[in-house]
Every structure is written in C-alpha cells, then in structure tokens.
Amino acid sequence: GLMDQADAAAALAPAPLPDVLTAPDPEFRKALVVCRGLP
C-alpha cells in the first residue's frame, strides 16, 4: 500500500510547495518552488 501511495503521489502534477505541504502525506509529491540565488 505504501508503494502504491508513493507511485500515486509521484504521478500528481506539481503544485506550489505550501499547498503540497498541507497534503496528508507530502512525501514523493512534486512541488513548485522559487529559490533565490540557488545556482
């Protein structure tokens, strides 16, 4: 069940990071972020 949950989470479209973090279990989710000066 955990493996199926991970596959389903990874298949979801990216969403803003604050929204993803409010999900019941954000692990394996893709998120949109803006990091200043990261490169």
Full PDB file with SEQRES, HELIX, SHEET, SSBOND, CRYST1, ORIGX, SCALE, CONECT and MASTER records, all heavy atoms in Angstrom:
SEQRES   1 A   39  GLY LEU MET ASP GLN ALA ASP ALA ALA ALA ALA LEU ALA          
SEQRES   2 A   39  PRO ALA PRO LEU PRO ASP VAL LEU THR ALA PRO ASP PRO          
SEQRES   3 A   39  GLU PHE ARG LYS ALA LEU VAL VAL CYS ARG GLY LEU PRO          
HELIX    1 AA1 LEU A    2  ALA A   11  1                                  10    
HELIX    2 AA2 LEU A   17  LEU A   21  1                                   5    
SHEET    1 AA1 2 ALA A  15  PRO A  16  0                                        
SHEET    2 AA1 2 ALA A  31  LEU A  32  1                                        
CRYST1    1.000    1.000    1.000  90.00  90.00  90.00 P 1           1          
ORIGX1      1.000000  0.000000  0.000000        0.00000                         
ORIGX2      0.000000  1.000000  0.000000        0.00000                         
ORIGX3      0.000000  0.000000  1.000000        0.00000                         
SCALE1      1.000000  0.000000  0.000000        0.00000                         
SCALE2      0.000000  1.000000  0.000000        0.00000                         
SCALE3      0.000000  0.000000  1.000000        0.00000                         
ATOM      1  N   GLY A   1       0.816  -1.206   0.000  1.00  0.00           N  
ATOM      2  CA  GLY A   1       0.000   0.000   0.000  1.00  0.00           C  
ATOM      3  C   GLY A   1       0.853   1.261   0.000  1.00  0.00           C  
ATOM      4  O   GLY A   1       0.534   2.243  -0.672  1.00  0.00           O  
ATOM      5  N   LEU A   2       1.967   1.226   0.741  1.00  0.00           N  
ATOM      6  CA  LEU A   2       2.872   2.373   0.783  1.00  0.00           C  
ATOM      7  C   LEU A   2       3.514   2.613  -0.580  1.00  0.00           C  
ATOM      8  O   LEU A   2       3.653   3.759  -1.021  1.00  0.00           O  
ATOM      9  CB  LEU A   2       3.943   2.120   1.838  1.00  0.00           C  
ATOM     10  CG  LEU A   2       4.838   3.305   2.230  1.00  0.00           C  
ATOM     11  CD1 LEU A   2       4.007   4.411   2.857  1.00  0.00           C  
ATOM     12  CD2 LEU A   2       5.926   2.844   3.190  1.00  0.00           C  
ATOM     13  N   MET A   3       3.885   1.546  -1.261  1.00  0.00           N  
ATOM     14  CA  MET A   3       4.487   1.676  -2.593  1.00  0.00           C  
ATOM     15  C   MET A   3       3.472   2.236  -3.590  1.00  0.00           C  
ATOM     16  O   MET A   3       3.806   3.081  -4.418  1.00  0.00           O  
ATOM     17  CB  MET A   3       5.026   0.320  -3.038  1.00  0.00           C  
ATOM     18  CG  MET A   3       6.180  -0.185  -2.192  1.00  0.00           C  
ATOM     19  SD  MET A   3       6.602  -1.923  -2.483  1.00  0.00           S  
ATOM     20  CE  MET A   3       7.246  -1.834  -4.156  1.00  0.00           C  
ATOM     21  N   ASP A   4       2.235   1.759  -3.517  1.00  0.00           N  
ATOM     22  CA  ASP A   4       1.193   2.291  -4.399  1.00  0.00           C  
ATOM     23  C   ASP A   4       0.952   3.770  -4.105  1.00  0.00           C  
ATOM     24  O   ASP A   4       0.757   4.575  -5.023  1.00  0.00           O  
ATOM     25  CB  ASP A   4      -0.106   1.505  -4.219  1.00  0.00           C  
ATOM     26  CG  ASP A   4       0.004   0.069  -4.739  1.00  0.00           C  
ATOM     27  OD1 ASP A   4       0.909  -0.197  -5.547  1.00  0.00           O  
ATOM     28  OD2 ASP A   4      -0.813  -0.766  -4.313  1.00  0.00           O  
ATOM     29  N   GLN A   5       0.971   4.131  -2.818  1.00  0.00           N  
ATOM     30  CA  GLN A   5       0.782   5.530  -2.431  1.00  0.00           C  
ATOM     31  C   GLN A   5       1.903   6.402  -2.971  1.00  0.00           C  
ATOM     32  O   GLN A   5       1.670   7.524  -3.445  1.00  0.00           O  
ATOM     33  CB  GLN A   5       0.718   5.628  -0.905  1.00  0.00           C  
ATOM     34  CG  GLN A   5       0.551   7.039  -0.380  1.00  0.00           C  
ATOM     35  CD  GLN A   5       0.549   7.092   1.138  1.00  0.00           C  
ATOM     36  OE1 GLN A   5       0.406   6.078   1.804  1.00  0.00           O  
ATOM     37  NE2 GLN A   5       0.728   8.282   1.686  1.00  0.00           N  
ATOM     38  N   ALA A   6       3.144   5.898  -2.928  1.00  0.00           N  
ATOM     39  CA  ALA A   6       4.283   6.659  -3.440  1.00  0.00           C  
ATOM     40  C   ALA A   6       4.167   6.858  -4.943  1.00  0.00           C  
ATOM     41  O   ALA A   6       4.428   7.949  -5.458  1.00  0.00           O  
ATOM     42  CB  ALA A   6       5.588   5.939  -3.096  1.00  0.00           C  
ATOM     43  N   ASP A   7       3.768   5.816  -5.656  1.00  0.00           N  
ATOM     44  CA  ASP A   7       3.606   5.934  -7.113  1.00  0.00           C  
ATOM     45  C   ASP A   7       2.514   6.934  -7.455  1.00  0.00           C  
ATOM     46  O   ASP A   7       2.661   7.741  -8.388  1.00  0.00           O  
ATOM     47  CB  ASP A   7       3.273   4.564  -7.710  1.00  0.00           C  
ATOM     48  CG  ASP A   7       4.446   3.595  -7.638  1.00  0.00           C  
ATOM     49  OD1 ASP A   7       5.595   4.066  -7.494  1.00  0.00           O  
ATOM     50  OD2 ASP A   7       4.212   2.373  -7.722  1.00  0.00           O  
ATOM     51  N   ALA A   8       1.418   6.887  -6.707  1.00  0.00           N  
ATOM     52  CA  ALA A   8       0.313   7.811  -6.979  1.00  0.00           C  
ATOM     53  C   ALA A   8       0.719   9.250  -6.681  1.00  0.00           C  
ATOM     54  O   ALA A   8       0.379  10.175  -7.429  1.00  0.00           O  
ATOM     55  CB  ALA A   8      -0.908   7.416  -6.148  1.00  0.00           C  
ATOM     56  N   ALA A   9       1.473   9.463  -5.587  1.00  0.00           N  
ATOM     57  CA  ALA A   9       1.905  10.813  -5.233  1.00  0.00           C  
ATOM     58  C   ALA A   9       2.862  11.374  -6.275  1.00  0.00           C  
ATOM     59  O   ALA A   9       2.779  12.544  -6.649  1.00  0.00           O  
ATOM     60  CB  ALA A   9       2.563  10.807  -3.859  1.00  0.00           C  
ATOM     61  N   ALA A  10       3.791  10.528  -6.751  1.00  0.00           N  
ATOM     62  CA  ALA A  10       4.772  10.987  -7.739  1.00  0.00           C  
ATOM     63  C   ALA A  10       4.118  11.318  -9.074  1.00  0.00           C  
ATOM     64  O   ALA A  10       4.657  12.112  -9.857  1.00  0.00           O  
ATOM     65  CB  ALA A  10       5.852   9.928  -7.925  1.00  0.00           C  
ATOM     66  N   ALA A  11       2.964  10.721  -9.341  1.00  0.00           N  
ATOM     67  CA  ALA A  11       2.287  10.957 -10.623  1.00  0.00           C  
ATOM     68  C   ALA A  11       1.450  12.227 -10.623  1.00  0.00           C  
ATOM     69  O   ALA A  11       1.011  12.676 -11.681  1.00  0.00           O  
ATOM     70  CB  ALA A  11       1.407   9.758 -10.966  1.00  0.00           C  
ATOM     71  N   LEU A  12       1.226  12.840  -9.459  1.00  0.00           N  
ATOM     72  CA  LEU A  12       0.418  14.060  -9.399  1.00  0.00           C  
ATOM     73  C   LEU A  12       1.173  15.241 -10.012  1.00  0.00           C  
ATOM     74  O   LEU A  12       2.404  15.295  -9.961  1.00  0.00           O  
ATOM     75  CB  LEU A  12       0.049  14.383  -7.949  1.00  0.00           C  
ATOM     76  CG  LEU A  12      -0.885  13.389  -7.248  1.00  0.00           C  
ATOM     77  CD1 LEU A  12      -1.052  13.768  -5.787  1.00  0.00           C  
ATOM     78  CD2 LEU A  12      -2.239  13.342  -7.955  1.00  0.00           C  
ATOM     79  N   ALA A  13       0.431  16.168 -10.555  1.00  0.00           N  
ATOM     80  CA  ALA A  13       1.039  17.356 -11.153  1.00  0.00           C  
ATOM     81  C   ALA A  13       1.674  18.217 -10.055  1.00  0.00           C  
ATOM     82  O   ALA A  13       1.186  18.253  -8.925  1.00  0.00           O  
ATOM     83  CB  ALA A  13      -0.011  18.159 -11.908  1.00  0.00           C  
ATOM     84  N   PRO A  14       2.774  18.912 -10.385  1.00  0.00           N  
ATOM     85  CA  PRO A  14       3.397  19.792  -9.381  1.00  0.00           C  
ATOM     86  C   PRO A  14       2.435  20.889  -8.934  1.00  0.00           C  
ATOM     87  O   PRO A  14       1.635  21.393  -9.717  1.00  0.00           O  
ATOM     88  CB  PRO A  14       4.600  20.374 -10.126  1.00  0.00           C  
ATOM     89  CG  PRO A  14       4.860  19.426 -11.249  1.00  0.00           C  
ATOM     90  CD  PRO A  14       3.527  18.875 -11.642  1.00  0.00           C  
ATOM     91  N   ALA A  15       2.550  21.232  -7.646  1.00  0.00           N  
ATOM     92  CA  ALA A  15       1.746  22.310  -7.069  1.00  0.00           C  
ATOM     93  C   ALA A  15       2.671  23.162  -6.213  1.00  0.00           C  
ATOM     94  O   ALA A  15       3.770  22.726  -5.849  1.00  0.00           O  
ATOM     95  CB  ALA A  15       0.599  21.722  -6.234  1.00  0.00           C  
ATOM     96  N   PRO A  16       2.283  24.391  -5.888  1.00  0.00           N  
ATOM     97  CA  PRO A  16       3.130  25.225  -5.020  1.00  0.00           C  
ATOM     98  C   PRO A  16       3.470  24.495  -3.722  1.00  0.00           C  
ATOM     99  O   PRO A  16       2.636  23.780  -3.148  1.00  0.00           O  
ATOM    100  CB  PRO A  16       2.261  26.456  -4.774  1.00  0.00           C  
ATOM    101  CG  PRO A  16       1.372  26.541  -5.979  1.00  0.00           C  
ATOM    102  CD  PRO A  16       1.082  25.119  -6.353  1.00  0.00           C  
ATOM    103  N   LEU A  17       4.703  24.668  -3.271  1.00  0.00           N  
ATOM    104  CA  LEU A  17       5.186  23.937  -2.108  1.00  0.00           C  
ATOM    105  C   LEU A  17       4.288  24.094  -0.882  1.00  0.00           C  
ATOM    106  O   LEU A  17       3.998  23.091  -0.204  1.00  0.00           O  
ATOM    107  CB  LEU A  17       6.617  24.354  -1.784  1.00  0.00           C  
ATOM    108  CG  LEU A  17       7.270  23.653  -0.592  1.00  0.00           C  
ATOM    109  CD1 LEU A  17       7.309  22.147  -0.797  1.00  0.00           C  
ATOM    110  CD2 LEU A  17       8.677  24.196  -0.362  1.00  0.00           C  
ATOM    111  N   PRO A  18       3.815  25.309  -0.533  1.00  0.00           N  
ATOM    112  CA  PRO A  18       2.937  25.421   0.645  1.00  0.00           C  
ATOM    113  C   PRO A  18       1.686  24.561   0.528  1.00  0.00           C  
ATOM    114  O   PRO A  18       1.208  23.998   1.518  1.00  0.00           O  
ATOM    115  CB  PRO A  18       2.601  26.913   0.706  1.00  0.00           C  
ATOM    116  CG  PRO A  18       3.748  27.582   0.008  1.00  0.00           C  
ATOM    117  CD  PRO A  18       4.123  26.643  -1.096  1.00  0.00           C  
ATOM    118  N   ASP A  19       1.146  24.454  -0.699  1.00  0.00           N  
ATOM    119  CA  ASP A  19      -0.051  23.626  -0.892  1.00  0.00           C  
ATOM    120  C   ASP A  19       0.290  22.145  -0.740  1.00  0.00           C  
ATOM    121  O   ASP A  19      -0.482  21.372  -0.162  1.00  0.00           O  
ATOM    122  CB  ASP A  19      -0.656  23.882  -2.274  1.00  0.00           C  
ATOM    123  CG  ASP A  19      -1.176  25.306  -2.426  1.00  0.00           C  
ATOM    124  OD1 ASP A  19      -1.386  25.981  -1.390  1.00  0.00           O  
ATOM    125  OD2 ASP A  19      -1.360  25.747  -3.582  1.00  0.00           O  
ATOM    126  N   VAL A  20       1.428  21.738  -1.276  1.00  0.00           N  
ATOM    127  CA  VAL A  20       1.833  20.332  -1.181  1.00  0.00           C  
ATOM    128  C   VAL A  20       2.037  19.935   0.278  1.00  0.00           C  
ATOM    129  O   VAL A  20       1.681  18.829   0.702  1.00  0.00           O  
ATOM    130  CB  VAL A  20       3.116  20.088  -1.993  1.00  0.00           C  
ATOM    131  CG1 VAL A  20       3.676  18.696  -1.732  1.00  0.00           C  
ATOM    132  CG2 VAL A  20       2.833  20.264  -3.483  1.00  0.00           C  
ATOM    133  N   LEU A  21       2.606  20.838   1.071  1.00  0.00           N  
ATOM    134  CA  LEU A  21       2.892  20.516   2.465  1.00  0.00           C  
ATOM    135  C   LEU A  21       1.631  20.352   3.304  1.00  0.00           C  
ATOM    136  O   LEU A  21       1.693  19.780   4.400  1.00  0.00           O  
ATOM    137  CB  LEU A  21       3.774  21.612   3.078  1.00  0.00           C  
ATOM    138  CG  LEU A  21       5.211  21.654   2.561  1.00  0.00           C  
ATOM    139  CD1 LEU A  21       5.931  22.879   3.093  1.00  0.00           C  
ATOM    140  CD2 LEU A  21       5.967  20.385   2.942  1.00  0.00           C  
ATOM    141  N   THR A  22       0.502  20.836   2.820  1.00  0.00           N  
ATOM    142  CA  THR A  22      -0.745  20.665   3.564  1.00  0.00           C  
ATOM    143  C   THR A  22      -1.413  19.334   3.257  1.00  0.00           C  
ATOM    144  O   THR A  22      -2.422  18.991   3.891  1.00  0.00           O  
ATOM    145  CB  THR A  22      -1.731  21.798   3.243  1.00  0.00           C  
ATOM    146  OG1 THR A  22      -2.046  21.774   1.835  1.00  0.00           O  
ATOM    147  CG2 THR A  22      -1.141  23.149   3.602  1.00  0.00           C  
ATOM    148  N   ALA A  23      -0.869  18.563   2.309  1.00  0.00           N  
ATOM    149  CA  ALA A  23      -1.433  17.251   1.985  1.00  0.00           C  
ATOM    150  C   ALA A  23      -1.220  16.299   3.163  1.00  0.00           C  
ATOM    151  O   ALA A  23      -0.314  16.486   3.972  1.00  0.00           O  
ATOM    152  CB  ALA A  23      -0.781  16.698   0.730  1.00  0.00           C  
ATOM    153  N   PRO A  24      -2.072  15.261   3.287  1.00  0.00           N  
ATOM    154  CA  PRO A  24      -1.911  14.311   4.399  1.00  0.00           C  
ATOM    155  C   PRO A  24      -0.512  13.711   4.472  1.00  0.00           C  
ATOM    156  O   PRO A  24       0.031  13.541   5.559  1.00  0.00           O  
ATOM    157  CB  PRO A  24      -2.968  13.254   4.096  1.00  0.00           C  
ATOM    158  CG  PRO A  24      -4.005  13.968   3.280  1.00  0.00           C  
ATOM    159  CD  PRO A  24      -3.257  14.970   2.470  1.00  0.00           C  
ATOM    160  N   ASP A  25       0.083  13.393   3.326  1.00  0.00           N  
ATOM    161  CA  ASP A  25       1.454  12.894   3.302  1.00  0.00           C  
ATOM    162  C   ASP A  25       2.127  13.433   2.051  1.00  0.00           C  
ATOM    163  O   ASP A  25       1.937  12.911   0.951  1.00  0.00           O  
ATOM    164  CB  ASP A  25       1.490  11.367   3.300  1.00  0.00           C  
ATOM    165  CG  ASP A  25       2.909  10.837   3.488  1.00  0.00           C  
ATOM    166  OD1 ASP A  25       3.849  11.657   3.537  1.00  0.00           O  
ATOM    167  OD2 ASP A  25       3.082   9.610   3.593  1.00  0.00           O  
ATOM    168  N   PRO A  26       2.941  14.501   2.188  1.00  0.00           N  
ATOM    169  CA  PRO A  26       3.534  15.141   1.002  1.00  0.00           C  
ATOM    170  C   PRO A  26       4.696  14.373   0.382  1.00  0.00           C  
ATOM    171  O   PRO A  26       5.175  14.770  -0.686  1.00  0.00           O  
ATOM    172  CB  PRO A  26       4.024  16.490   1.537  1.00  0.00           C  
ATOM    173  CG  PRO A  26       3.586  16.575   2.951  1.00  0.00           C  
ATOM    174  CD  PRO A  26       3.264  15.207   3.407  1.00  0.00           C  
ATOM    175  N   GLU A  27       5.176  13.327   1.040  1.00  0.00           N  
ATOM    176  CA  GLU A  27       6.365  12.658   0.511  1.00  0.00           C  
ATOM    177  C   GLU A  27       6.104  12.127  -0.894  1.00  0.00           C  
ATOM    178  O   GLU A  27       5.019  11.623  -1.197  1.00  0.00           O  
ATOM    179  CB  GLU A  27       6.795  11.518   1.427  1.00  0.00           C  
ATOM    180  CG  GLU A  27       8.146  10.946   1.039  1.00  0.00           C  
ATOM    181  CD  GLU A  27       8.731  10.019   2.086  1.00  0.00           C  
ATOM    182  OE1 GLU A  27       7.966   9.522   2.928  1.00  0.00           O  
ATOM    183  OE2 GLU A  27       9.949   9.808   2.054  1.00  0.00           O  
ATOM    184  N   PHE A  28       7.098  12.261  -1.758  1.00  0.00           N  
ATOM    185  CA  PHE A  28       7.086  11.845  -3.163  1.00  0.00           C  
ATOM    186  C   PHE A  28       6.286  12.789  -4.050  1.00  0.00           C  
ATOM    187  O   PHE A  28       6.235  12.584  -5.262  1.00  0.00           O  
ATOM    188  CB  PHE A  28       6.574  10.403  -3.328  1.00  0.00           C  
ATOM    189  CG  PHE A  28       7.362   9.389  -2.563  1.00  0.00           C  
ATOM    190  CD1 PHE A  28       6.857   8.839  -1.401  1.00  0.00           C  
ATOM    191  CD2 PHE A  28       8.614   9.002  -2.989  1.00  0.00           C  
ATOM    192  CE1 PHE A  28       7.585   7.910  -0.683  1.00  0.00           C  
ATOM    193  CE2 PHE A  28       9.352   8.084  -2.273  1.00  0.00           C  
ATOM    194  CZ  PHE A  28       8.839   7.534  -1.121  1.00  0.00           C  
ATOM    195  N   ARG A  29       5.670  13.825  -3.462  1.00  0.00           N  
ATOM    196  CA  ARG A  29       4.965  14.798  -4.286  1.00  0.00           C  
ATOM    197  C   ARG A  29       5.963  15.724  -4.960  1.00  0.00           C  
ATOM    198  O   ARG A  29       7.028  16.009  -4.442  1.00  0.00           O  
ATOM    199  CB  ARG A  29       4.007  15.623  -3.413  1.00  0.00           C  
ATOM    200  CG  ARG A  29       2.742  14.913  -2.973  1.00  0.00           C  
ATOM    201  CD  ARG A  29       1.749  14.753  -4.114  1.00  0.00           C  
ATOM    202  NE  ARG A  29       1.435  16.017  -4.756  1.00  0.00           N  
ATOM    203  CZ  ARG A  29       0.469  16.841  -4.355  1.00  0.00           C  
ATOM    204  NH1 ARG A  29      -0.258  16.538  -3.290  1.00  0.00           N  
ATOM    205  NH2 ARG A  29       0.225  17.963  -5.020  1.00  0.00           N  
ATOM    206  N   LYS A  30       5.587  16.225  -6.133  1.00  0.00           N  
ATOM    207  CA  LYS A  30       6.376  17.241  -6.820  1.00  0.00           C  
ATOM    208  C   LYS A  30       5.800  18.607  -6.485  1.00  0.00           C  
ATOM    209  O   LYS A  30       4.582  18.767  -6.366  1.00  0.00           O  
ATOM    210  CB  LYS A  30       6.386  16.988  -8.320  1.00  0.00           C  
ATOM    211  CG  LYS A  30       7.176  15.751  -8.726  1.00  0.00           C  
ATOM    212  CD  LYS A  30       7.201  15.593 -10.222  1.00  0.00           C  
ATOM    213  CE  LYS A  30       8.117  14.439 -10.631  1.00  0.00           C  
ATOM    214  NZ  LYS A  30       7.660  13.155 -10.101  1.00  0.00           N  
ATOM    215  N   ALA A  31       6.692  19.581  -6.334  1.00  0.00           N  
ATOM    216  CA  ALA A  31       6.264  20.918  -5.915  1.00  0.00           C  
ATOM    217  C   ALA A  31       6.984  21.978  -6.732  1.00  0.00           C  
ATOM    218  O   ALA A  31       8.079  21.747  -7.267  1.00  0.00           O  
ATOM    219  CB  ALA A  31       6.531  21.122  -4.425  1.00  0.00           C  
ATOM    220  N   LEU A  32       6.358  23.142  -6.794  1.00  0.00           N  
ATOM    221  CA  LEU A  32       6.947  24.311  -7.444  1.00  0.00           C  
ATOM    222  C   LEU A  32       7.523  25.220  -6.370  1.00  0.00           C  
ATOM    223  O   LEU A  32       6.825  25.572  -5.412  1.00  0.00           O  
ATOM    224  CB  LEU A  32       5.887  25.056  -8.257  1.00  0.00           C  
ATOM    225  CG  LEU A  32       5.193  24.260  -9.377  1.00  0.00           C  
ATOM    226  CD1 LEU A  32       4.002  25.043  -9.916  1.00  0.00           C  
ATOM    227  CD2 LEU A  32       6.179  23.946 -10.489  1.00  0.00           C  
ATOM    228  N   VAL A  33       8.781  25.604  -6.523  1.00  0.00           N  
ATOM    229  CA  VAL A  33       9.415  26.492  -5.551  1.00  0.00           C  
ATOM    230  C   VAL A  33      10.223  27.552  -6.294  1.00  0.00           C  
ATOM    231  O   VAL A  33      10.620  27.366  -7.449  1.00  0.00           O  
ATOM    232  CB  VAL A  33      10.353  25.730  -4.581  1.00  0.00           C  
ATOM    233  CG1 VAL A  33       9.578  24.744  -3.747  1.00  0.00           C  
ATOM    234  CG2 VAL A  33      11.465  25.040  -5.337  1.00  0.00           C  
ATOM    235  N   VAL A  34      10.461  28.646  -5.593  1.00  0.00           N  
ATOM    236  CA  VAL A  34      11.371  29.681  -6.087  1.00  0.00           C  
ATOM    237  C   VAL A  34      12.450  29.853  -5.033  1.00  0.00           C  
ATOM    238  O   VAL A  34      12.168  30.207  -3.881  1.00  0.00           O  
ATOM    239  CB  VAL A  34      10.627  31.020  -6.328  1.00  0.00           C  
ATOM    240  CG1 VAL A  34      11.627  32.106  -6.717  1.00  0.00           C  
ATOM    241  CG2 VAL A  34       9.566  30.856  -7.409  1.00  0.00           C  
ATOM    242  N   CYS A  35      13.686  29.560  -5.414  1.00  0.00           N  
ATOM    243  CA  CYS A  35      14.833  29.710  -4.511  1.00  0.00           C  
ATOM    244  C   CYS A  35      15.745  30.792  -5.071  1.00  0.00           C  
ATOM    245  O   CYS A  35      16.273  30.651  -6.192  1.00  0.00           O  
ATOM    246  CB  CYS A  35      15.604  28.394  -4.385  1.00  0.00           C  
ATOM    247  SG  CYS A  35      14.798  27.177  -3.336  1.00  0.00           S  
ATOM    248  N   ARG A  36      15.933  31.834  -4.332  1.00  0.00           N  
ATOM    249  CA  ARG A  36      16.788  32.923  -4.802  1.00  0.00           C  
ATOM    250  C   ARG A  36      18.268  32.546  -4.648  1.00  0.00           C  
ATOM    251  O   ARG A  36      18.691  32.079  -3.591  1.00  0.00           O  
ATOM    252  CB  ARG A  36      16.488  34.203  -4.021  1.00  0.00           C  
ATOM    253  CG  ARG A  36      15.136  34.816  -4.375  1.00  0.00           C  
ATOM    254  CD  ARG A  36      14.936  36.163  -3.744  1.00  0.00           C  
ATOM    255  NE  ARG A  36      13.694  36.792  -4.199  1.00  0.00           N  
ATOM    256  CZ  ARG A  36      13.602  37.539  -5.298  1.00  0.00           C  
ATOM    257  NH1 ARG A  36      14.683  37.774  -6.028  1.00  0.00           N  
ATOM    258  NH2 ARG A  36      12.442  38.062  -5.656  1.00  0.00           N  
ATOM    259  N   GLY A  37      19.020  32.775  -5.718  1.00  0.00           N  
ATOM    260  CA  GLY A  37      20.462  32.568  -5.686  1.00  0.00           C  
ATOM    261  C   GLY A  37      20.913  31.121  -5.612  1.00  0.00           C  
ATOM    262  O   GLY A  37      22.095  30.853  -5.339  1.00  0.00           O  
ATOM    263  N   LEU A  38      20.030  30.173  -5.870  1.00  0.00           N  
ATOM    264  CA  LEU A  38      20.406  28.764  -5.728  1.00  0.00           C  
ATOM    265  C   LEU A  38      21.543  28.336  -6.657  1.00  0.00           C  
ATOM    266  O   LEU A  38      22.438  27.591  -6.237  1.00  0.00           O  
ATOM    267  CB  LEU A  38      19.189  27.867  -5.938  1.00  0.00           C  
ATOM    268  CG  LEU A  38      19.446  26.373  -5.731  1.00  0.00           C  
ATOM    269  CD1 LEU A  38      19.804  26.081  -4.283  1.00  0.00           C  
ATOM    270  CD2 LEU A  38      18.230  25.553  -6.152  1.00  0.00           C  
ATOM    271  N   PRO A  39      21.577  28.771  -7.926  1.00  0.00           N  
ATOM    272  CA  PRO A  39      22.652  28.291  -8.807  1.00  0.00           C  
ATOM    273  C   PRO A  39      24.060  28.629  -8.329  1.00  0.00           C  
ATOM    274  O   PRO A  39      25.023  27.933  -8.695  1.00  0.00           O  
ATOM    275  CB  PRO A  39      22.343  28.987 -10.149  1.00  0.00           C  
ATOM    276  CG  PRO A  39      20.871  29.247 -10.104  1.00  0.00           C  
ATOM    277  CD  PRO A  39      20.594  29.580  -8.672  1.00  0.00           C  
TER     278      PRO A  39                                                      
MASTER        0    0    0    2    2    0    0    6  277    1    0    3          
END                                                                             
